[in-house]
Amino acid sequence: MSINRSVMEETVKKTKRSVTKRAKLEAIKEAAKTGPATAYLKDVPTSPRKMRLVADMIRGVRVNHALNLLKYEAKYSSLKLEKLLLSAISNWSVKNSDQKLEEADLFVKEIFVDGGRQLKRLRPAPQGRAHRIRKRSNHVTLVVDSMKPVTEKTEEKPEAKKAGKPAVKAKKVAKKKSTKKETKE
């Protein structure tokens, strides 16, 4: 009988561990349901360098301003990024269904462009040679988040700093005046 009890205790311990693991995973999933939203764009048939030119324009910018920039930009990459930004906004609205989109004050938190696969082709060159052509592609990742309200710091510390600085400046000014008078004489 003692063997059966020890086996039962081990199974109980195993289930307890699995329950705790499951609870941790559920907590992580719940935390991921709110907050920033991500959208991905894979295998865009332009070079990463050209895409980065447009991506740098909208990094850290509010969403409404970024959409205006992308709408009136003449580059091909701007059309793709505009669609991606709209997708990220809809992902955010699904994630944060309790908040209104107009009140959220969204901005582009992160955007980065990675190189994708390269198609290698050959182009005929003079004297029977061949030049290799690399047709590049890229992957774009865009993260959208809402602006957090800035908490005000206590006013005592800045006042203490302000009170100390003028005294130091006054000493420096007095030293400069005294050196100027000495040089004139």
C-alpha atoms as a PDB file:
ATOM      1  CA  MET A   1       0.000   0.000   0.000  1.00  0.00           C
ATOM      2  CA  SER A   2       2.834   2.385   0.728  1.00  0.00           C
ATOM      3  CA  ILE A   3       4.063   2.041  -2.866  1.00  0.00           C
ATOM      4  CA  ASN A   4       0.686   3.052  -4.249  1.00  0.00           C
ATOM      5  CA  ARG A   5       0.570   6.136  -2.021  1.00  0.00           C
ATOM      6  CA  SER A   6       4.004   7.312  -3.183  1.00  0.00           C
ATOM      7  CA  VAL A   7       2.996   6.807  -6.815  1.00  0.00           C
ATOM      8  CA  MET A   8      -0.205   8.765  -6.225  1.00  0.00           C
ATOM      9  CA  GLU A   9       1.717  11.595  -4.535  1.00  0.00           C
ATOM     10  CA  GLU A  10       4.101  11.812  -7.520  1.00  0.00           C
ATOM     11  CA  THR A  11       1.199  12.030  -9.954  1.00  0.00           C
ATOM     12  CA  VAL A  12      -0.379  14.741  -7.819  1.00  0.00           C
ATOM     13  CA  LYS A  13       2.895  16.702  -7.867  1.00  0.00           C
ATOM     14  CA  LYS A  14       3.125  16.337 -11.649  1.00  0.00           C
ATOM     15  CA  THR A  15      -0.367  17.643 -12.182  1.00  0.00           C
ATOM     16  CA  LYS A  16       0.316  20.544  -9.862  1.00  0.00           C
ATOM     17  CA  ARG A  17       3.347  21.528 -11.931  1.00  0.00           C
ATOM     18  CA  SER A  18       1.405  21.269 -15.140  1.00  0.00           C
ATOM     19  CA  VAL A  19      -1.383  23.356 -13.672  1.00  0.00           C
ATOM     20  CA  THR A  20       1.073  26.072 -12.657  1.00  0.00           C
ATOM     21  CA  LYS A  21       2.701  26.004 -16.071  1.00  0.00           C
ATOM     22  CA  ARG A  22      -0.675  26.295 -17.729  1.00  0.00           C
ATOM     23  CA  ALA A  23      -1.612  29.192 -15.450  1.00  0.00           C
ATOM     24  CA  LYS A  24       1.621  30.999 -16.325  1.00  0.00           C
ATOM     25  CA  LEU A  25       1.012  30.535 -20.044  1.00  0.00           C
ATOM     26  CA  GLU A  26      -2.539  31.824 -19.705  1.00  0.00           C
ATOM     27  CA  ALA A  27      -1.286  34.864 -17.792  1.00  0.00           C
ATOM     28  CA  ILE A  28       1.218  35.613 -20.569  1.00  0.00           C
ATOM     29  CA  LYS A  29      -1.508  35.298 -23.177  1.00  0.00           C
ATOM     30  CA  GLU A  30      -3.790  37.620 -21.224  1.00  0.00           C
ATOM     31  CA  ALA A  31      -1.029  40.220 -20.943  1.00  0.00           C
ATOM     32  CA  ALA A  32      -0.428  39.999 -24.698  1.00  0.00           C
ATOM     33  CA  LYS A  33      -4.101  40.680 -25.451  1.00  0.00           C
ATOM     34  CA  THR A  34      -3.692  44.369 -24.647  1.00  0.00           C
ATOM     35  CA  GLY A  35      -0.945  46.792 -25.532  1.00  0.00           C
ATOM     36  CA  PRO A  36       0.961  47.265 -28.777  1.00  0.00           C
ATOM     37  CA  ALA A  37      -0.159  45.586 -31.991  1.00  0.00           C
ATOM     38  CA  THR A  38       2.164  44.207 -34.647  1.00  0.00           C
ATOM     39  CA  ALA A  39       1.742  43.729 -38.387  1.00  0.00           C
ATOM     40  CA  TYR A  40       4.121  41.930 -40.731  1.00  0.00           C
ATOM     41  CA  LEU A  41       4.717  42.242 -44.461  1.00  0.00           C
ATOM     42  CA  LYS A  42       6.728  39.464 -46.082  1.00  0.00           C
ATOM     43  CA  ASP A  43       8.494  39.128 -49.444  1.00  0.00           C
ATOM     44  CA  VAL A  44       7.889  42.612 -50.839  1.00  0.00           C
ATOM     45  CA  PRO A  45       9.600  42.714 -54.256  1.00  0.00           C
ATOM     46  CA  THR A  46      11.666  45.864 -53.659  1.00  0.00           C
ATOM     47  CA  SER A  47      15.121  46.276 -52.221  1.00  0.00           C
ATOM     48  CA  PRO A  48      15.334  46.804 -48.458  1.00  0.00           C
ATOM     49  CA  ARG A  49      17.248  50.041 -48.993  1.00  0.00           C
ATOM     50  CA  LYS A  50      14.376  51.613 -50.947  1.00  0.00           C
ATOM     51  CA  MET A  51      11.834  50.461 -48.381  1.00  0.00           C
ATOM     52  CA  ARG A  52      13.899  51.867 -45.490  1.00  0.00           C
ATOM     53  CA  LEU A  53      13.771  55.347 -47.043  1.00  0.00           C
ATOM     54  CA  VAL A  54       9.998  55.388 -46.650  1.00  0.00           C
ATOM     55  CA  ALA A  55       9.999  53.519 -43.312  1.00  0.00           C
ATOM     56  CA  ASP A  56      12.317  56.121 -41.760  1.00  0.00           C
ATOM     57  CA  MET A  57       9.783  58.860 -42.573  1.00  0.00           C
ATOM     58  CA  ILE A  58       7.046  57.362 -40.398  1.00  0.00           C
ATOM     59  CA  ARG A  59       9.077  55.981 -37.475  1.00  0.00           C
ATOM     60  CA  GLY A  60       7.850  57.520 -34.195  1.00  0.00           C
ATOM     61  CA  VAL A  61       5.116  59.559 -35.928  1.00  0.00           C
ATOM     62  CA  ARG A  62       1.438  59.624 -34.954  1.00  0.00           C
ATOM     63  CA  VAL A  63      -0.715  57.328 -37.060  1.00  0.00           C
ATOM     64  CA  ASN A  64      -2.860  60.022 -38.717  1.00  0.00           C
ATOM     65  CA  HIS A  65       0.201  61.989 -39.792  1.00  0.00           C
ATOM     66  CA  ALA A  66       1.924  58.799 -41.008  1.00  0.00           C
ATOM     67  CA  LEU A  67      -1.082  57.862 -43.136  1.00  0.00           C
ATOM     68  CA  ASN A  68      -1.050  61.332 -44.731  1.00  0.00           C
ATOM     69  CA  LEU A  69       2.675  61.080 -45.429  1.00  0.00           C
ATOM     70  CA  LEU A  70       2.307  57.662 -47.045  1.00  0.00           C
ATOM     71  CA  LYS A  71      -0.762  58.633 -49.071  1.00  0.00           C
ATOM     72  CA  TYR A  72       0.971  61.518 -50.828  1.00  0.00           C
ATOM     73  CA  GLU A  73       4.439  59.962 -51.149  1.00  0.00           C
ATOM     74  CA  ALA A  74       5.304  59.101 -54.761  1.00  0.00           C
ATOM     75  CA  LYS A  75       7.408  55.985 -54.072  1.00  0.00           C
ATOM     76  CA  TYR A  76       6.106  52.471 -54.717  1.00  0.00           C
ATOM     77  CA  SER A  77       7.030  51.386 -51.188  1.00  0.00           C
ATOM     78  CA  SER A  78       4.648  53.909 -49.649  1.00  0.00           C
ATOM     79  CA  LEU A  79       1.608  52.062 -51.028  1.00  0.00           C
ATOM     80  CA  LYS A  80       2.707  48.834 -49.357  1.00  0.00           C
ATOM     81  CA  LEU A  81       3.495  50.547 -46.052  1.00  0.00           C
ATOM     82  CA  GLU A  82       0.145  52.354 -46.065  1.00  0.00           C
ATOM     83  CA  LYS A  83      -1.688  49.032 -46.292  1.00  0.00           C
ATOM     84  CA  LEU A  84       0.547  47.586 -43.578  1.00  0.00           C
ATOM     85  CA  LEU A  85      -0.130  50.549 -41.272  1.00  0.00           C
ATOM     86  CA  LEU A  86      -3.890  50.166 -41.770  1.00  0.00           C
ATOM     87  CA  SER A  87      -3.530  46.475 -40.921  1.00  0.00           C
ATOM     88  CA  ALA A  88      -1.604  47.303 -37.739  1.00  0.00           C
ATOM     89  CA  ILE A  89      -4.305  49.795 -36.722  1.00  0.00           C
ATOM     90  CA  SER A  90      -7.035  47.192 -37.176  1.00  0.00           C
ATOM     91  CA  ASN A  91      -4.945  44.669 -35.208  1.00  0.00           C
ATOM     92  CA  TRP A  92      -4.690  47.209 -32.384  1.00  0.00           C
ATOM     93  CA  SER A  93      -8.438  47.850 -32.405  1.00  0.00           C
ATOM     94  CA  VAL A  94      -9.141  44.107 -32.174  1.00  0.00           C
ATOM     95  CA  LYS A  95      -6.646  43.713 -29.330  1.00  0.00           C
ATOM     96  CA  ASN A  96      -7.919  46.718 -27.387  1.00  0.00           C
ATOM     97  CA  SER A  97     -11.639  46.497 -28.075  1.00  0.00           C
ATOM     98  CA  ASP A  98     -12.521  48.354 -24.852  1.00  0.00           C
ATOM     99  CA  GLN A  99     -10.714  51.547 -25.991  1.00  0.00           C
ATOM    100  CA  LYS A 100     -11.821  53.903 -28.743  1.00  0.00           C
ATOM    101  CA  LEU A 101      -9.498  54.364 -31.672  1.00  0.00           C
ATOM    102  CA  GLU A 102      -9.964  58.154 -31.766  1.00  0.00           C
ATOM    103  CA  GLU A 103      -9.054  58.573 -28.104  1.00  0.00           C
ATOM    104  CA  ALA A 104      -6.096  56.186 -28.158  1.00  0.00           C
ATOM    105  CA  ASP A 105      -3.644  58.603 -29.828  1.00  0.00           C
ATOM    106  CA  LEU A 106      -1.754  55.858 -31.688  1.00  0.00           C
ATOM    107  CA  PHE A 107       1.789  56.224 -32.981  1.00  0.00           C
ATOM    108  CA  VAL A 108       4.289  54.059 -34.881  1.00  0.00           C
ATOM    109  CA  LYS A 109       6.367  52.623 -32.057  1.00  0.00           C
ATOM    110  CA  GLU A 110       8.718  50.495 -34.151  1.00  0.00           C
ATOM    111  CA  ILE A 111       9.242  49.835 -37.813  1.00  0.00           C
ATOM    112  CA  PHE A 112      12.119  47.922 -39.288  1.00  0.00           C
ATOM    113  CA  VAL A 113      12.959  46.425 -42.651  1.00  0.00           C
ATOM    114  CA  ASP A 114      14.898  43.185 -43.022  1.00  0.00           C
ATOM    115  CA  GLY A 115      16.257  41.667 -46.194  1.00  0.00           C
ATOM    116  CA  GLY A 116      14.268  38.870 -47.751  1.00  0.00           C
ATOM    117  CA  ARG A 117      15.223  36.256 -50.294  1.00  0.00           C
ATOM    118  CA  GLN A 118      17.182  37.195 -53.408  1.00  0.00           C
ATOM    119  CA  LEU A 119      16.369  35.845 -56.846  1.00  0.00           C
ATOM    120  CA  LYS A 120      19.619  35.435 -58.743  1.00  0.00           C
ATOM    121  CA  ARG A 121      19.414  35.910 -62.500  1.00  0.00           C
ATOM    122  CA  LEU A 122      21.961  36.186 -65.302  1.00  0.00           C
ATOM    123  CA  ARG A 123      22.053  38.999 -67.847  1.00  0.00           C
ATOM    124  CA  PRO A 124      24.109  38.727 -71.037  1.00  0.00           C
ATOM    125  CA  ALA A 125      27.187  40.940 -71.103  1.00  0.00           C
ATOM    126  CA  PRO A 126      29.654  41.852 -73.875  1.00  0.00           C
ATOM    127  CA  GLN A 127      32.166  39.316 -75.244  1.00  0.00           C
ATOM    128  CA  GLY A 128      30.176  36.261 -74.190  1.00  0.00           C
ATOM    129  CA  ARG A 129      30.218  37.011 -70.482  1.00  0.00           C
ATOM    130  CA  ALA A 130      27.296  37.170 -68.035  1.00  0.00           C
ATOM    131  CA  HIS A 131      26.507  39.546 -65.209  1.00  0.00           C
ATOM    132  CA  ARG A 132      24.601  38.366 -62.160  1.00  0.00           C
ATOM    133  CA  ILE A 133      21.431  40.293 -61.346  1.00  0.00           C
ATOM    134  CA  ARG A 134      20.120  40.068 -57.775  1.00  0.00           C
ATOM    135  CA  LYS A 135      16.415  40.759 -57.479  1.00  0.00           C
ATOM    136  CA  ARG A 136      16.011  41.646 -53.834  1.00  0.00           C
ATOM    137  CA  SER A 137      12.998  41.467 -51.544  1.00  0.00           C
ATOM    138  CA  ASN A 138      12.317  42.527 -47.966  1.00  0.00           C
ATOM    139  CA  HIS A 139      10.284  41.871 -44.839  1.00  0.00           C
ATOM    140  CA  VAL A 140       8.733  44.725 -42.851  1.00  0.00           C
ATOM    141  CA  THR A 141       7.639  44.657 -39.200  1.00  0.00           C
ATOM    142  CA  LEU A 142       5.495  47.498 -37.859  1.00  0.00           C
ATOM    143  CA  VAL A 143       4.428  48.003 -34.215  1.00  0.00           C
ATOM    144  CA  VAL A 144       1.670  50.452 -33.266  1.00  0.00           C
ATOM    145  CA  ASP A 145       0.973  51.548 -29.689  1.00  0.00           C
ATOM    146  CA  SER A 146      -1.029  54.202 -27.881  1.00  0.00           C
ATOM    147  CA  MET A 147       0.606  57.183 -26.204  1.00  0.00           C
ATOM    148  CA  LYS A 148       0.874  56.790 -22.458  1.00  0.00           C
ATOM    149  CA  PRO A 149      -0.102  59.809 -20.349  1.00  0.00           C
ATOM    150  CA  VAL A 150       3.039  61.343 -18.900  1.00  0.00           C
ATOM    151  CA  THR A 151       3.028  61.409 -15.117  1.00  0.00           C
ATOM    152  CA  GLU A 152       4.127  64.665 -13.564  1.00  0.00           C
ATOM    153  CA  LYS A 153       7.223  64.548 -11.388  1.00  0.00           C
ATOM    154  CA  THR A 154       7.421  66.194  -8.011  1.00  0.00           C
ATOM    155  CA  GLU A 155       8.300  69.860  -8.195  1.00  0.00           C
ATOM    156  CA  GLU A 156      10.637  69.911  -5.184  1.00  0.00           C
ATOM    157  CA  LYS A 157      13.619  68.406  -6.965  1.00  0.00           C
ATOM    158  CA  PRO A 158      13.656  70.797  -9.953  1.00  0.00           C
ATOM    159  CA  GLU A 159      13.317  73.802  -7.608  1.00  0.00           C
ATOM    160  CA  ALA A 160      16.281  72.628  -5.571  1.00  0.00           C
ATOM    161  CA  LYS A 161      18.319  72.281  -8.744  1.00  0.00           C
ATOM    162  CA  LYS A 162      17.213  75.703 -10.013  1.00  0.00           C
ATOM    163  CA  ALA A 163      18.121  77.326  -6.702  1.00  0.00           C
ATOM    164  CA  GLY A 164      21.662  75.921  -6.853  1.00  0.00           C
ATOM    165  CA  LYS A 165      22.437  76.821 -10.459  1.00  0.00           C
ATOM    166  CA  PRO A 166      22.151  80.637 -10.334  1.00  0.00           C
ATOM    167  CA  ALA A 167      24.639  80.809  -7.463  1.00  0.00           C
ATOM    168  CA  VAL A 168      27.171  78.894  -9.537  1.00  0.00           C
ATOM    169  CA  LYS A 169      26.482  81.108 -12.542  1.00  0.00           C
ATOM    170  CA  ALA A 170      26.849  84.244 -10.443  1.00  0.00           C
ATOM    171  CA  LYS A 171      30.285  83.109  -9.280  1.00  0.00           C
ATOM    172  CA  LYS A 172      31.342  82.398 -12.870  1.00  0.00           C
ATOM    173  CA  VAL A 173      30.065  85.782 -14.051  1.00  0.00           C
ATOM    174  CA  ALA A 174      31.921  87.525 -11.203  1.00  0.00           C
ATOM    175  CA  LYS A 175      35.156  85.734 -12.152  1.00  0.00           C
ATOM    176  CA  LYS A 176      34.748  86.718 -15.821  1.00  0.00           C
ATOM    177  CA  LYS A 177      34.156  90.382 -14.920  1.00  0.00           C
ATOM    178  CA  SER A 178      37.188  90.459 -12.687  1.00  0.00           C
ATOM    179  CA  THR A 179      39.417  88.982 -15.409  1.00  0.00           C
ATOM    180  CA  LYS A 180      38.092  91.492 -17.959  1.00  0.00           C
ATOM    181  CA  LYS A 181      38.916  94.423 -15.649  1.00  0.00           C
ATOM    182  CA  GLU A 182      42.419  93.097 -15.104  1.00  0.00           C
ATOM    183  CA  THR A 183      43.054  92.768 -18.832  1.00  0.00           C
ATOM    184  CA  LYS A 184      41.858  96.357 -19.478  1.00  0.00           C
ATOM    185  CA  GLU A 185      44.252  97.817 -16.893  1.00  0.00           C
END
